[in-house]
């Protein structure tokens, strides 16, 4: 129902279809988020993108956007008004 836009409650995850630029397991992250956030009832759009090339721009329309690359990523909150660059060392 959510994928058709008929249900407006809970977490709605939008992700890229993955491509050669994806440098992490996008589908695994989406599955993990769905399991961990299942009890949230308020509408919460989350975008999970597979690369840092197009991901930040595509993810900025969601309330929370995640775009990761090799060893780093960006977390966008509230339509990119507050963003945090994450790096793994």
C-alpha atoms as a PDB file:
ATOM      1  CA  UNK A   1       0.000   0.000   0.000  1.00  0.00           C
ATOM      2  CA  UNK A   2       2.822   2.397   0.840  1.00  0.00           C
ATOM      3  CA  UNK A   3       4.565   1.800  -2.467  1.00  0.00           C
ATOM      4  CA  UNK A   4       1.351   2.840  -4.241  1.00  0.00           C
ATOM      5  CA  UNK A   5       1.019   5.977  -2.125  1.00  0.00           C
ATOM      6  CA  UNK A   6      -2.176   4.687  -0.467  1.00  0.00           C
ATOM      7  CA  UNK A   7      -0.805   4.296   3.058  1.00  0.00           C
ATOM      8  CA  UNK A   8       0.613   7.341   4.789  1.00  0.00           C
ATOM      9  CA  UNK A   9       1.978   5.927   8.025  1.00  0.00           C
ATOM     10  CA  UNK A  10       5.245   4.404   9.082  1.00  0.00           C
ATOM     11  CA  UNK A  11       8.606   4.417   7.403  1.00  0.00           C
ATOM     12  CA  UNK A  12       8.657   4.568   3.627  1.00  0.00           C
ATOM     13  CA  UNK A  13      12.025   3.637   2.173  1.00  0.00           C
ATOM     14  CA  UNK A  14      13.005   4.731  -1.320  1.00  0.00           C
ATOM     15  CA  UNK A  15      16.240   3.312  -2.655  1.00  0.00           C
ATOM     16  CA  UNK A  16      18.151   3.345  -5.868  1.00  0.00           C
ATOM     17  CA  UNK A  17      18.100   0.172  -7.972  1.00  0.00           C
ATOM     18  CA  UNK A  18      21.889  -0.083  -7.479  1.00  0.00           C
ATOM     19  CA  UNK A  19      24.434   0.114 -10.250  1.00  0.00           C
ATOM     20  CA  UNK A  20      28.157  -0.316 -10.792  1.00  0.00           C
ATOM     21  CA  UNK A  21      28.840   2.826  -8.688  1.00  0.00           C
ATOM     22  CA  UNK A  22      27.306   1.308  -5.530  1.00  0.00           C
ATOM     23  CA  UNK A  23      30.180   0.590  -3.164  1.00  0.00           C
ATOM     24  CA  UNK A  24      28.178  -1.055  -0.378  1.00  0.00           C
ATOM     25  CA  UNK A  25      25.238  -3.426   0.057  1.00  0.00           C
ATOM     26  CA  UNK A  26      22.301  -1.062  -0.574  1.00  0.00           C
ATOM     27  CA  UNK A  27      19.687  -3.821  -0.414  1.00  0.00           C
ATOM     28  CA  UNK A  28      21.160  -5.156   2.838  1.00  0.00           C
ATOM     29  CA  UNK A  29      20.962  -1.703   4.423  1.00  0.00           C
ATOM     30  CA  UNK A  30      17.357  -1.249   3.267  1.00  0.00           C
ATOM     31  CA  UNK A  31      16.392  -4.646   4.701  1.00  0.00           C
ATOM     32  CA  UNK A  32      18.112  -3.808   7.987  1.00  0.00           C
ATOM     33  CA  UNK A  33      16.357  -0.427   8.233  1.00  0.00           C
ATOM     34  CA  UNK A  34      12.961  -1.995   7.531  1.00  0.00           C
ATOM     35  CA  UNK A  35      13.462  -4.510  10.351  1.00  0.00           C
ATOM     36  CA  UNK A  36      14.740  -1.937  12.850  1.00  0.00           C
ATOM     37  CA  UNK A  37      12.170   0.776  12.110  1.00  0.00           C
ATOM     38  CA  UNK A  38       9.048  -1.384  11.796  1.00  0.00           C
ATOM     39  CA  UNK A  39       7.412   0.073  14.938  1.00  0.00           C
ATOM     40  CA  UNK A  40       7.509   3.698  13.774  1.00  0.00           C
ATOM     41  CA  UNK A  41       3.943   4.796  12.947  1.00  0.00           C
ATOM     42  CA  UNK A  42       4.496   8.435  11.993  1.00  0.00           C
ATOM     43  CA  UNK A  43       5.109   9.094   8.288  1.00  0.00           C
ATOM     44  CA  UNK A  44       8.868   9.080   7.734  1.00  0.00           C
ATOM     45  CA  UNK A  45      10.284   9.005   4.204  1.00  0.00           C
ATOM     46  CA  UNK A  46      13.850   7.677   4.061  1.00  0.00           C
ATOM     47  CA  UNK A  47      15.984   7.592   0.907  1.00  0.00           C
ATOM     48  CA  UNK A  48      18.879   5.141   0.659  1.00  0.00           C
ATOM     49  CA  UNK A  49      21.206   5.784  -2.269  1.00  0.00           C
ATOM     50  CA  UNK A  50      24.121   3.667  -3.402  1.00  0.00           C
ATOM     51  CA  UNK A  51      26.726   6.275  -4.259  1.00  0.00           C
ATOM     52  CA  UNK A  52      27.992   9.706  -3.388  1.00  0.00           C
ATOM     53  CA  UNK A  53      27.857  10.850  -7.029  1.00  0.00           C
ATOM     54  CA  UNK A  54      24.085  11.201  -7.495  1.00  0.00           C
ATOM     55  CA  UNK A  55      22.925  10.041  -4.079  1.00  0.00           C
ATOM     56  CA  UNK A  56      22.972  13.305  -2.105  1.00  0.00           C
ATOM     57  CA  UNK A  57      20.891  15.159  -4.681  1.00  0.00           C
ATOM     58  CA  UNK A  58      18.426  12.296  -5.085  1.00  0.00           C
ATOM     59  CA  UNK A  59      18.126  11.709  -1.325  1.00  0.00           C
ATOM     60  CA  UNK A  60      17.501  15.310  -0.306  1.00  0.00           C
ATOM     61  CA  UNK A  61      13.730  15.144  -0.868  1.00  0.00           C
ATOM     62  CA  UNK A  62      13.246  12.606   1.931  1.00  0.00           C
ATOM     63  CA  UNK A  63      13.117  13.505   5.623  1.00  0.00           C
ATOM     64  CA  UNK A  64      16.240  11.364   6.046  1.00  0.00           C
ATOM     65  CA  UNK A  65      18.628  10.619   3.198  1.00  0.00           C
ATOM     66  CA  UNK A  66      21.576   8.242   3.197  1.00  0.00           C
ATOM     67  CA  UNK A  67      24.195   8.139   0.449  1.00  0.00           C
ATOM     68  CA  UNK A  68      27.345   6.097   0.928  1.00  0.00           C
ATOM     69  CA  UNK A  69      30.561   5.551  -0.921  1.00  0.00           C
ATOM     70  CA  UNK A  70      33.748   3.665  -0.258  1.00  0.00           C
ATOM     71  CA  UNK A  71      34.679   4.457   3.332  1.00  0.00           C
ATOM     72  CA  UNK A  72      32.431   7.497   3.647  1.00  0.00           C
ATOM     73  CA  UNK A  73      28.882   8.678   3.329  1.00  0.00           C
ATOM     74  CA  UNK A  74      26.473  11.495   3.937  1.00  0.00           C
ATOM     75  CA  UNK A  75      23.405  11.623   6.139  1.00  0.00           C
ATOM     76  CA  UNK A  76      20.881  14.245   5.083  1.00  0.00           C
ATOM     77  CA  UNK A  77      18.171  15.359   7.475  1.00  0.00           C
ATOM     78  CA  UNK A  78      15.124  17.507   6.723  1.00  0.00           C
ATOM     79  CA  UNK A  79      15.722  18.009   3.024  1.00  0.00           C
ATOM     80  CA  UNK A  80      19.493  18.610   3.308  1.00  0.00           C
ATOM     81  CA  UNK A  81      19.115  21.543   5.703  1.00  0.00           C
ATOM     82  CA  UNK A  82      21.255  19.655   8.195  1.00  0.00           C
ATOM     83  CA  UNK A  83      23.786  17.284   6.712  1.00  0.00           C
ATOM     84  CA  UNK A  84      26.547  15.262   8.271  1.00  0.00           C
ATOM     85  CA  UNK A  85      29.436  13.719   6.381  1.00  0.00           C
ATOM     86  CA  UNK A  86      30.333  10.347   7.817  1.00  0.00           C
ATOM     87  CA  UNK A  87      33.770   8.854   7.388  1.00  0.00           C
ATOM     88  CA  UNK A  88      35.056   5.498   8.465  1.00  0.00           C
ATOM     89  CA  UNK A  89      38.761   5.294   9.255  1.00  0.00           C
END
